Amino acid sequence: MRHLALIAAVASIALTGAAFWLSYEHLHDVAAVYGLGPSAARSWAWPATVDLFILIGEVLILRAALNQAVDPWAIALTVVGSSGSIALNVAGVGAHAQPMAYVVAAVPPIAALLAFGALMRQIHEVLADRLPALASIPVIATTTAQATVPVAIPEAAPVASGASEAAADEPPVVALPVAASTPPTGDKKTDNSAAKTAAKKPPTGARRAARSVAKKKPQRRPLDEWVEIAGPVFHAEFARLRRNPTANEFATAIGAAGLGLVSDSTAKNIRAEILDRTELPALD
């Protein structure tokens, strides 16, 4: 599988370079004929104002795909750049040329668009496999720890019966927690150490949530190890479904078997390696 992916990547790069070069060269000839002939630098720079829109749009589409989003502006740049390149290459042939001349002029920009799109697709699969489910890890909000400082309340002195009846109508005094940054009253060393200890230790709920998130991180294993431990899961799913499980079904089955969480692209690679190394039993 890796050799096939490498061959496809090399072929895509070669085809993209050749197609862009042919399209760029023809647009340079068109610019030289129609107004920019006296300046060689300008006639060579002019095709970049068209073909580079394809490069910019495809890269922005790749970035949006990695963020699991759709970028309409990137799509518009790609469409405008590719349409303009095709139209200018064809129009540069002239009005009275043979039909095959128009076909020859249109092939390079179309091939450049398709080959570069295939290359971006392969790059997306590689990056998505290396960065699995980072966006799915929740962010744990932490709160500022507070230290409750005990305040000694002196005993009330005896008062007359009339005064005690008046005091009974007053609301009780409630002790409020004091923030750790507020200088406490009493023994400063004891209070400061207690405040620092409380600030270092997050709340129990936050520690439990952090441990839960750590348990849900995708498992990092070599592909050979995944093939060895996930092979029985794949064959069990194959026998249950009576067909090859999809990447999502296989990833779900791996998680249900307690082997850890994997992305769909990783499950797809594991499935491909299993199919290459083993033969599936015949279905009745």
Protein backbone atom coordinates (compact mmCIF):
# COMPACT_ATOMS: atom_id res chain seq x y z
CA MET A 1 0.00 0.00 0.00
CA ARG A 2 2.80 2.42 0.82
CA HIS A 3 4.51 1.72 -2.50
CA LEU A 4 1.29 2.36 -4.41
CA ALA A 5 0.75 5.64 -2.54
CA LEU A 6 4.33 6.69 -3.31
CA ILE A 7 3.93 5.88 -7.01
CA ALA A 8 0.68 7.86 -7.15
CA ALA A 9 2.30 10.84 -5.40
CA VAL A 10 5.33 10.87 -7.76
CA ALA A 11 3.09 10.56 -10.81
CA SER A 12 0.83 13.38 -9.57
CA ILE A 13 3.80 15.67 -8.97
CA ALA A 14 5.29 14.92 -12.39
CA LEU A 15 1.97 15.41 -14.18
CA THR A 16 1.25 18.63 -12.28
CA GLY A 17 4.66 20.08 -13.14
CA ALA A 18 4.46 19.14 -16.82
CA ALA A 19 0.88 20.40 -17.25
CA PHE A 20 1.57 23.70 -15.48
CA TRP A 21 4.72 24.22 -17.55
CA LEU A 22 2.89 23.63 -20.86
CA SER A 23 0.01 25.90 -19.85
CA TYR A 24 2.39 28.59 -18.60
CA GLU A 25 4.50 28.42 -21.77
CA HIS A 26 1.47 28.80 -24.03
CA LEU A 27 0.10 31.74 -22.04
CA HIS A 28 3.53 33.35 -22.31
CA ASP A 29 3.33 33.03 -26.12
CA VAL A 30 -0.16 34.54 -26.08
CA ALA A 31 1.03 37.47 -23.96
CA ALA A 32 4.03 38.02 -26.24
CA VAL A 33 1.78 38.22 -29.30
CA TYR A 34 -0.87 40.45 -27.73
CA GLY A 35 0.92 43.46 -26.33
CA LEU A 36 3.73 42.24 -24.07
CA GLY A 37 6.21 41.13 -26.73
CA PRO A 38 8.66 44.02 -26.28
CA SER A 39 9.15 43.11 -22.58
CA ALA A 40 10.29 39.54 -22.00
CA ALA A 41 9.97 39.87 -18.21
CA ARG A 42 6.37 41.05 -18.42
CA SER A 43 5.37 38.37 -20.92
CA TRP A 44 6.81 35.69 -18.63
CA ALA A 45 5.20 37.17 -15.49
CA TRP A 46 1.74 37.59 -17.03
CA PRO A 47 0.69 33.87 -16.99
CA ALA A 48 1.26 33.81 -13.22
CA THR A 49 -1.69 36.21 -12.82
CA VAL A 50 -3.90 33.37 -14.07
CA ASP A 51 -2.32 30.01 -13.17
CA LEU A 52 -1.35 30.91 -9.60
CA PHE A 53 -5.03 31.30 -8.69
CA ILE A 54 -5.34 27.52 -9.14
CA LEU A 55 -2.44 26.92 -6.74
CA ILE A 56 -3.80 29.34 -4.12
CA GLY A 57 -7.35 27.97 -4.33
CA GLU A 58 -6.30 24.31 -4.07
CA VAL A 59 -4.08 24.97 -1.03
CA LEU A 60 -6.87 26.89 0.71
CA ILE A 61 -9.29 24.04 -0.03
CA LEU A 62 -6.79 21.63 1.57
CA ARG A 63 -6.57 23.82 4.67
CA ALA A 64 -10.37 24.02 4.95
CA ALA A 65 -10.67 20.23 4.56
CA LEU A 66 -8.20 19.65 7.40
CA ASN A 67 -10.35 21.97 9.55
CA GLN A 68 -13.47 20.02 8.48
CA ALA A 69 -14.95 23.12 6.86
CA VAL A 70 -15.85 24.44 3.41
CA ASP A 71 -14.17 27.59 2.09
CA PRO A 72 -16.35 29.13 -0.68
CA TRP A 73 -13.68 31.74 -1.40
CA ALA A 74 -11.07 29.04 -2.05
CA ILE A 75 -13.46 27.20 -4.38
CA ALA A 76 -14.16 30.44 -6.24
CA LEU A 77 -10.44 31.12 -6.69
CA THR A 78 -9.87 27.63 -8.08
CA VAL A 79 -12.83 27.87 -10.49
CA VAL A 80 -11.88 31.33 -11.74
CA GLY A 81 -8.21 30.45 -12.15
CA SER A 82 -8.82 27.16 -13.96
CA SER A 83 -11.59 28.58 -16.16
CA GLY A 84 -9.47 31.57 -17.10
CA SER A 85 -6.44 29.41 -17.87
CA ILE A 86 -8.46 27.05 -20.09
CA ALA A 87 -10.23 29.89 -21.90
CA LEU A 88 -7.04 31.87 -22.56
CA ASN A 89 -5.12 28.80 -23.74
CA VAL A 90 -7.89 27.93 -26.19
CA ALA A 91 -8.47 31.52 -27.35
CA GLY A 92 -4.75 32.01 -27.92
CA VAL A 93 -4.80 29.47 -30.74
CA GLY A 94 -6.68 31.86 -33.03
CA ALA A 95 -10.00 31.98 -34.83
CA HIS A 96 -9.22 29.86 -37.89
CA ALA A 97 -7.17 26.99 -36.43
CA GLN A 98 -7.85 23.29 -36.80
CA PRO A 99 -10.14 21.70 -34.14
CA MET A 100 -7.31 19.54 -32.85
CA ALA A 101 -5.29 22.68 -32.11
CA TYR A 102 -7.95 23.79 -29.64
CA VAL A 103 -7.91 20.35 -27.99
CA VAL A 104 -4.11 20.46 -27.68
CA ALA A 105 -4.32 23.92 -26.09
CA ALA A 106 -7.05 22.88 -23.62
CA VAL A 107 -5.41 19.67 -22.34
CA PRO A 108 -2.53 21.19 -20.26
CA PRO A 109 -4.63 23.52 -18.04
CA ILE A 110 -7.26 20.81 -17.49
CA ALA A 111 -4.56 18.26 -16.65
CA ALA A 112 -2.88 20.75 -14.29
CA LEU A 113 -6.14 21.29 -12.41
CA LEU A 114 -6.91 17.57 -12.05
CA ALA A 115 -3.36 16.49 -11.22
CA PHE A 116 -2.88 19.19 -8.61
CA GLY A 117 -6.25 18.33 -7.08
CA ALA A 118 -5.21 14.65 -6.86
CA LEU A 119 -1.94 15.68 -5.20
CA MET A 120 -3.79 17.80 -2.62
CA ARG A 121 -6.11 14.83 -1.97
CA GLN A 122 -3.16 12.58 -1.15
CA ILE A 123 -1.61 15.22 1.10
CA HIS A 124 -4.93 15.55 2.93
CA GLU A 125 -5.09 11.80 3.59
CA VAL A 126 -1.52 11.77 4.97
CA LEU A 127 -2.08 14.78 7.24
CA ALA A 128 -5.48 13.54 8.42
CA ASP A 129 -3.89 10.20 9.37
CA ARG A 130 -1.08 11.89 11.31
CA LEU A 131 -3.39 14.33 13.12
CA PRO A 132 -6.38 12.17 14.15
CA ALA A 133 -9.27 13.67 16.07
CA LEU A 134 -7.38 16.58 17.62
CA ALA A 135 -10.44 18.76 17.29
CA SER A 136 -12.56 16.19 19.18
CA ILE A 137 -10.60 16.54 22.45
CA PRO A 138 -12.65 18.83 24.72
CA VAL A 139 -11.08 21.78 26.46
CA ILE A 140 -11.31 21.60 30.25
CA ALA A 141 -12.05 24.93 31.87
CA THR A 142 -10.24 25.48 35.14
CA THR A 143 -11.41 27.79 37.88
CA THR A 144 -9.36 29.88 40.23
CA ALA A 145 -8.84 28.03 43.47
CA GLN A 146 -10.03 29.76 46.60
CA ALA A 147 -8.90 29.18 50.15
CA THR A 148 -11.37 29.54 52.95
CA VAL A 149 -9.69 31.33 55.79
CA PRO A 150 -11.14 30.56 59.20
CA VAL A 151 -12.04 33.67 61.17
CA ALA A 152 -12.27 33.47 64.92
CA ILE A 153 -15.53 34.96 66.19
CA PRO A 154 -15.38 36.06 69.83
CA GLU A 155 -18.14 35.04 72.14
CA ALA A 156 -20.80 37.64 72.65
CA ALA A 157 -20.85 39.42 75.97
CA PRO A 158 -23.99 39.15 78.11
CA VAL A 159 -26.54 41.76 77.20
CA ALA A 160 -29.75 42.84 78.69
CA SER A 161 -32.96 41.05 77.83
CA GLY A 162 -34.24 43.97 75.76
CA ALA A 163 -31.07 44.15 73.73
CA SER A 164 -31.13 40.39 73.11
CA GLU A 165 -34.66 40.62 71.72
CA ALA A 166 -33.54 43.38 69.32
CA ALA A 167 -30.52 41.38 68.20
CA ALA A 168 -32.71 38.37 67.47
CA ASP A 169 -34.42 40.34 64.70
CA GLU A 170 -31.11 41.01 62.89
CA PRO A 171 -30.02 38.59 60.12
CA PRO A 172 -27.18 36.17 60.99
CA VAL A 173 -23.65 36.92 59.83
CA VAL A 174 -22.41 34.47 57.15
CA ALA A 175 -18.67 33.80 56.76
CA LEU A 176 -17.61 34.20 53.08
CA PRO A 177 -14.60 32.44 51.45
CA VAL A 178 -11.59 34.64 50.85
CA ALA A 179 -9.64 34.40 47.57
CA ALA A 180 -6.16 32.93 47.82
CA SER A 181 -4.62 36.20 46.61
CA THR A 182 -6.15 38.16 49.52
CA PRO A 183 -3.71 38.53 52.42
CA PRO A 184 -5.23 36.47 55.26
CA THR A 185 -5.43 37.56 58.84
CA GLY A 186 -3.68 35.58 61.54
CA ASP A 187 -0.68 33.35 60.93
CA LYS A 188 0.63 34.34 57.46
CA LYS A 189 2.91 31.34 56.93
CA THR A 190 0.21 28.77 57.70
CA ASP A 191 -2.43 30.54 55.61
CA ASN A 192 -0.11 31.08 52.62
CA SER A 193 0.94 27.42 52.52
CA ALA A 194 -2.69 26.33 52.65
CA ALA A 195 -3.58 28.72 49.83
CA LYS A 196 -0.69 27.49 47.62
CA THR A 197 -1.66 23.86 48.21
CA ALA A 198 -5.26 24.60 47.25
CA ALA A 199 -4.13 26.47 44.11
CA LYS A 200 -1.85 23.65 42.93
CA LYS A 201 -4.48 20.94 43.31
CA PRO A 202 -7.31 21.28 40.77
CA PRO A 203 -10.84 20.40 41.85
CA THR A 204 -11.66 16.71 42.08
CA GLY A 205 -14.11 16.97 39.18
CA ALA A 206 -11.46 18.55 36.93
CA ARG A 207 -8.96 15.77 37.75
CA ARG A 208 -11.54 13.11 36.93
CA ALA A 209 -12.41 14.85 33.63
CA ALA A 210 -8.72 15.09 32.70
CA ARG A 211 -8.22 11.37 33.39
CA SER A 212 -11.31 10.60 31.31
CA VAL A 213 -10.00 12.64 28.37
CA ALA A 214 -6.60 10.96 28.65
CA LYS A 215 -8.26 7.55 28.38
CA LYS A 216 -10.08 8.62 25.20
CA LYS A 217 -6.99 9.71 23.24
CA PRO A 218 -6.40 7.73 20.04
CA GLN A 219 -3.99 4.84 20.48
CA ARG A 220 -0.57 5.21 18.82
CA ARG A 221 0.70 1.88 17.52
CA PRO A 222 2.77 0.76 14.52
CA LEU A 223 0.73 -0.46 11.58
CA ASP A 224 2.08 -4.01 11.93
CA GLU A 225 0.89 -4.15 15.54
CA TRP A 226 -2.54 -2.85 14.54
CA VAL A 227 -2.81 -5.56 11.87
CA GLU A 228 -1.95 -8.25 14.43
CA ILE A 229 -4.37 -7.18 17.17
CA ALA A 230 -7.20 -5.86 14.96
CA GLY A 231 -7.16 -8.79 12.52
CA PRO A 232 -9.60 -10.91 14.60
CA VAL A 233 -11.91 -7.90 14.94
CA PHE A 234 -11.93 -7.41 11.16
CA HIS A 235 -12.70 -11.08 10.47
CA ALA A 236 -15.46 -11.06 13.08
CA GLU A 237 -17.05 -8.01 11.43
CA PHE A 238 -16.63 -9.63 8.01
CA ALA A 239 -18.45 -12.74 9.23
CA ARG A 240 -21.19 -10.68 10.89
CA LEU A 241 -21.81 -8.27 7.99
CA ARG A 242 -21.02 -10.84 5.26
CA ARG A 243 -18.99 -8.15 3.49
CA ASN A 244 -15.99 -5.95 4.10
CA PRO A 245 -16.77 -3.45 6.89
CA THR A 246 -16.46 0.20 5.99
CA ALA A 247 -13.71 2.29 7.57
CA ASN A 248 -16.19 3.81 10.03
CA GLU A 249 -17.66 0.42 10.95
CA PHE A 250 -14.19 -1.05 11.44
CA ALA A 251 -13.06 1.90 13.58
CA THR A 252 -16.20 1.53 15.74
CA ALA A 253 -15.58 -2.21 16.12
CA ILE A 254 -11.96 -1.61 17.17
CA GLY A 255 -13.11 0.80 19.86
CA ALA A 256 -15.83 -1.59 21.03
CA ALA A 257 -13.24 -4.35 21.35
CA GLY A 258 -11.31 -2.22 23.84
CA LEU A 259 -8.30 -1.68 21.56
CA GLY A 260 -8.57 2.11 21.66
CA LEU A 261 -9.97 4.87 19.47
CA VAL A 262 -8.75 5.20 15.86
CA SER A 263 -9.73 7.56 13.06
CA ASP A 264 -11.53 6.36 9.95
CA SER A 265 -8.41 6.92 7.83
CA THR A 266 -6.30 4.81 10.23
CA ALA A 267 -8.94 2.05 10.18
CA LYS A 268 -8.89 2.23 6.38
CA ASN A 269 -5.12 1.70 6.31
CA ILE A 270 -5.35 -1.22 8.79
CA ARG A 271 -8.09 -2.82 6.71
CA ALA A 272 -6.03 -2.50 3.52
CA GLU A 273 -3.01 -4.14 5.16
CA ILE A 274 -5.17 -7.01 6.49
CA LEU A 275 -6.65 -7.59 3.03
CA ASP A 276 -3.15 -7.63 1.52
CA ARG A 277 -1.80 -10.15 4.03
CA THR A 278 -4.72 -12.55 4.50
CA GLU A 279 -7.33 -14.24 2.36
CA LEU A 280 -10.97 -13.83 3.25
CA PRO A 281 -13.05 -16.98 3.69
CA ALA A 282 -15.72 -17.73 1.12
CA LEU A 283 -19.26 -16.74 2.11
CA ASP A 284 -21.94 -19.43 1.97
